[in-house]
Amino acid sequence: MGATPDQLEREIVEVREDLARTITAIEERVNPKRVVKDNLQVVIGVALLVSALIAFKVVRKHTGP
């Protein structure tokens, strides 16, 4: 026997609510401000590493092998 109209309506409401939660979670994950905030330390670390490597290369070039 199939579901009643009331059961189907409750299921539709539950699926919509679940979909809304999923969309909200995705929006939070891809929010540019959050992405920057979550990855700022990595970006700073890479920038510092690149700066140190450039400085090392410059010093090495001017002081000989």
Protein backbone atom coordinates (compact mmCIF):
# COMPACT_ATOMS: atom_id res chain seq x y z
CA MET A 1 0.00 0.00 0.00
CA GLY A 2 1.27 3.47 -0.88
CA ALA A 3 1.87 6.38 1.41
CA THR A 4 -0.97 8.63 2.36
CA PRO A 5 -1.05 12.26 1.21
CA ASP A 6 -0.22 13.36 4.79
CA GLN A 7 2.78 11.02 4.91
CA LEU A 8 4.00 12.28 1.55
CA GLU A 9 3.59 15.89 2.65
CA ARG A 10 5.58 15.25 5.87
CA GLU A 11 8.30 13.54 3.85
CA ILE A 12 8.45 16.48 1.42
CA VAL A 13 8.76 18.91 4.33
CA GLU A 14 11.58 16.83 5.85
CA VAL A 15 13.42 16.63 2.52
CA ARG A 16 13.08 20.40 2.02
CA GLU A 17 14.41 21.08 5.51
CA ASP A 18 17.33 18.72 4.95
CA LEU A 19 18.08 20.34 1.60
CA ALA A 20 17.96 23.81 3.19
CA ARG A 21 20.46 22.69 5.87
CA THR A 22 22.73 21.22 3.22
CA ILE A 23 22.64 24.38 1.11
CA THR A 24 23.37 26.51 4.18
CA ALA A 25 26.35 24.30 5.05
CA ILE A 26 27.69 24.57 1.50
CA GLU A 27 27.24 28.36 1.50
CA GLU A 28 29.21 28.60 4.75
CA ARG A 29 32.05 26.46 3.38
CA VAL A 30 32.47 28.46 0.17
CA ASN A 31 31.97 31.91 1.70
CA PRO A 32 35.00 33.93 0.52
CA LYS A 33 35.52 35.59 3.91
CA ARG A 34 35.54 32.20 5.63
CA VAL A 35 37.90 30.70 3.06
CA VAL A 36 40.33 33.60 3.55
CA LYS A 37 40.05 33.40 7.33
CA ASP A 38 40.58 29.63 7.36
CA ASN A 39 43.59 29.82 5.04
CA LEU A 40 45.20 33.09 6.09
CA GLN A 41 47.87 31.44 8.24
CA VAL A 42 48.86 29.16 5.35
CA VAL A 43 49.11 32.11 2.97
CA ILE A 44 51.22 34.07 5.48
CA GLY A 45 53.48 31.07 6.01
CA VAL A 46 54.03 30.57 2.30
CA ALA A 47 54.71 34.29 1.83
CA LEU A 48 57.28 34.23 4.63
CA LEU A 49 58.94 31.16 3.16
CA VAL A 50 59.13 32.72 -0.31
CA SER A 51 60.54 35.93 1.18
CA ALA A 52 63.19 33.99 3.08
CA LEU A 53 64.18 32.05 -0.04
CA ILE A 54 64.47 35.24 -2.07
CA ALA A 55 66.55 36.88 0.67
CA PHE A 56 68.81 33.81 0.84
CA LYS A 57 69.27 33.87 -2.94
CA VAL A 58 70.14 37.59 -2.94
CA VAL A 59 72.62 37.25 -0.07
CA ARG A 60 74.21 34.20 -1.65
CA LYS A 61 74.53 36.00 -5.01
CA HIS A 62 76.33 38.98 -3.41
CA THR A 63 78.60 37.00 -1.08
CA GLY A 64 79.81 34.40 -3.53
CA PRO A 65 79.40 30.62 -3.67
